[in-house]
Amino acid sequence: MARVFLLALLGALLGYGQQSKEVPPPPPEPPAVQAPVEEPPEEDPAAIPKTYDFNPIEAEKEVKVGRYYLKKGSLKAALNRFEDASKYNPQFAEAFLLLAETRQKLRDAKGAKEAYGKYLELSPDAKNSAEIRKRLEKLH
């Protein structure tokens, strides 16, 4: 009887070993990863019009950058900076003077006259006012 018991025990152990060597089922596949949905921007930043609230610090900065462009020889870039400066601070006479000189170099007589006129309106007693008046006469 001991032999039967040993055989039964050995059979059970062998059966257990065979069961443990079975290949486990493959793990379930992870759910498909979806690409994140990007929402379109509210508006194109280039389409938003630029606002020119009174900002004398920004006007000074624009004039400084405009002078750099003048030295570099990039007249259109300088013109854009001086126009921005005159919009940020409409009482900034230097911005109008530089705007007028740049427009004159670009052969925009009408724009130069307007800017020189605004400069003389803002600072009629400037040291160079006589010279500016002569420039205005030549443009007429």
Protein backbone atom coordinates (compact mmCIF):
# COMPACT_ATOMS: atom_id res chain seq x y z
CA MET A 1 0.00 0.00 0.00
CA ALA A 2 2.88 2.29 0.57
CA ARG A 3 3.87 1.69 -3.01
CA VAL A 4 0.46 2.70 -4.29
CA PHE A 5 0.56 5.79 -2.14
CA LEU A 6 4.03 6.69 -3.44
CA LEU A 7 2.95 6.12 -7.05
CA ALA A 8 -0.12 8.30 -6.53
CA LEU A 9 2.00 10.98 -4.93
CA LEU A 10 4.58 10.77 -7.72
CA GLY A 11 1.85 10.94 -10.36
CA ALA A 12 0.32 13.95 -8.71
CA LEU A 13 3.71 15.69 -8.58
CA LEU A 14 4.42 14.90 -12.21
CA GLY A 15 0.98 16.15 -13.21
CA TYR A 16 1.51 19.32 -11.22
CA GLY A 17 4.87 19.90 -12.91
CA GLN A 18 3.31 19.50 -16.32
CA GLN A 19 0.59 21.97 -15.49
CA SER A 20 3.08 24.56 -14.31
CA LYS A 21 5.09 24.26 -17.55
CA GLU A 22 2.13 25.24 -19.68
CA VAL A 23 2.54 28.47 -21.64
CA PRO A 24 0.51 31.22 -20.07
CA PRO A 25 -1.97 32.96 -22.33
CA PRO A 26 -0.64 36.13 -24.00
CA PRO A 27 -1.35 39.33 -22.10
CA PRO A 28 -4.22 41.37 -23.45
CA GLU A 29 -3.17 44.01 -25.98
CA PRO A 30 -3.05 47.53 -24.62
CA PRO A 31 -5.76 49.81 -25.91
CA ALA A 32 -4.84 51.69 -29.07
CA VAL A 33 -3.16 54.98 -28.28
CA GLN A 34 -4.91 57.82 -30.02
CA ALA A 35 -2.99 60.86 -31.12
CA PRO A 36 -3.85 63.87 -28.99
CA VAL A 37 -6.39 66.05 -30.69
CA GLU A 38 -4.99 69.53 -31.22
CA GLU A 39 -7.51 72.27 -31.12
CA PRO A 40 -7.13 74.93 -33.77
CA PRO A 41 -5.94 78.28 -32.48
CA GLU A 42 -8.62 80.83 -31.77
CA GLU A 43 -7.18 83.22 -34.32
CA ASP A 44 -4.10 83.52 -36.43
CA PRO A 45 -1.73 85.82 -34.47
CA ALA A 46 -0.75 87.56 -37.69
CA ALA A 47 -4.39 88.43 -38.35
CA ILE A 48 -4.85 90.21 -35.03
CA PRO A 49 -4.41 93.94 -35.55
CA LYS A 50 -1.68 95.53 -33.45
CA THR A 51 -2.93 97.96 -30.82
CA TYR A 52 -1.02 101.12 -30.07
CA ASP A 53 -1.88 102.19 -26.55
CA PHE A 54 0.13 105.07 -25.13
CA ASN A 55 3.47 103.54 -24.21
CA PRO A 56 6.46 105.93 -24.16
CA ILE A 57 8.88 103.17 -23.15
CA GLU A 58 7.91 101.09 -26.16
CA ALA A 59 8.21 104.20 -28.36
CA GLU A 60 11.79 104.77 -27.13
CA LYS A 61 12.60 101.14 -27.83
CA GLU A 62 11.16 101.37 -31.35
CA VAL A 63 13.25 104.49 -32.07
CA LYS A 64 16.38 102.75 -30.79
CA VAL A 65 15.78 99.74 -33.04
CA GLY A 66 14.88 102.04 -35.93
CA ARG A 67 18.20 103.87 -35.57
CA TYR A 68 19.97 100.50 -35.72
CA TYR A 69 18.18 99.69 -38.96
CA LEU A 70 19.12 103.12 -40.36
CA LYS A 71 22.79 102.47 -39.64
CA LYS A 72 22.45 99.05 -41.21
CA GLY A 73 20.91 100.61 -44.33
CA SER A 74 17.55 98.90 -44.03
CA LEU A 75 15.30 101.90 -44.65
CA LYS A 76 11.95 100.10 -44.81
CA ALA A 77 12.56 98.32 -41.51
CA ALA A 78 13.58 101.64 -39.93
CA LEU A 79 10.48 103.30 -41.38
CA ASN A 80 8.22 100.67 -39.80
CA ARG A 81 9.88 101.14 -36.41
CA PHE A 82 9.57 104.93 -36.52
CA GLU A 83 5.91 104.66 -37.54
CA ASP A 84 5.28 102.34 -34.60
CA ALA A 85 7.08 104.73 -32.24
CA SER A 86 4.95 107.66 -33.44
CA LYS A 87 1.81 105.57 -32.77
CA TYR A 88 2.91 104.47 -29.30
CA ASN A 89 3.62 108.08 -28.33
CA PRO A 90 2.01 110.69 -30.61
CA GLN A 91 3.84 113.47 -28.71
CA PHE A 92 7.32 112.03 -29.37
CA ALA A 93 8.87 114.64 -31.66
CA GLU A 94 12.09 112.69 -32.31
CA ALA A 95 10.08 109.78 -33.76
CA PHE A 96 8.42 112.13 -36.24
CA LEU A 97 11.74 113.71 -37.24
CA LEU A 98 13.32 110.31 -37.91
CA LEU A 99 10.17 109.18 -39.68
CA ALA A 100 10.31 112.24 -41.96
CA GLU A 101 14.00 111.80 -42.74
CA THR A 102 13.49 108.12 -43.56
CA ARG A 103 10.49 108.86 -45.77
CA GLN A 104 12.52 111.52 -47.56
CA LYS A 105 15.29 108.99 -48.23
CA LEU A 106 12.67 106.61 -49.62
CA ARG A 107 11.41 109.43 -51.88
CA ASP A 108 8.00 109.66 -50.20
CA ALA A 109 7.62 113.44 -50.37
CA LYS A 110 4.02 113.54 -49.15
CA GLY A 111 4.75 111.36 -46.11
CA ALA A 112 7.92 113.32 -45.35
CA LYS A 113 5.98 116.63 -45.44
CA GLU A 114 3.38 115.29 -43.01
CA ALA A 115 6.01 113.99 -40.60
CA TYR A 116 8.12 117.18 -40.77
CA GLY A 117 4.95 119.21 -40.15
CA LYS A 118 4.08 117.11 -37.11
CA TYR A 119 7.65 117.47 -35.82
CA LEU A 120 7.49 121.27 -36.11
CA GLU A 121 4.06 121.24 -34.46
CA LEU A 122 5.41 119.28 -31.48
CA SER A 123 8.66 121.22 -31.08
CA PRO A 124 8.46 124.59 -32.84
CA ASP A 125 11.42 125.98 -30.89
CA ALA A 126 13.81 123.13 -31.64
CA LYS A 127 17.41 124.01 -32.52
CA ASN A 128 17.00 122.54 -36.00
CA SER A 129 13.57 124.06 -36.75
CA ALA A 130 14.99 126.51 -39.34
CA GLU A 131 16.68 123.63 -41.16
CA ILE A 132 13.48 121.57 -41.07
CA ARG A 133 11.50 124.49 -42.52
CA LYS A 134 14.01 124.69 -45.39
CA ARG A 135 13.57 120.96 -46.03
CA LEU A 136 9.82 121.45 -46.09
CA GLU A 137 10.15 124.26 -48.66
CA LYS A 138 12.27 122.01 -50.89
CA LEU A 139 9.62 119.27 -50.69
CA HIS A 140 6.88 121.65 -51.88
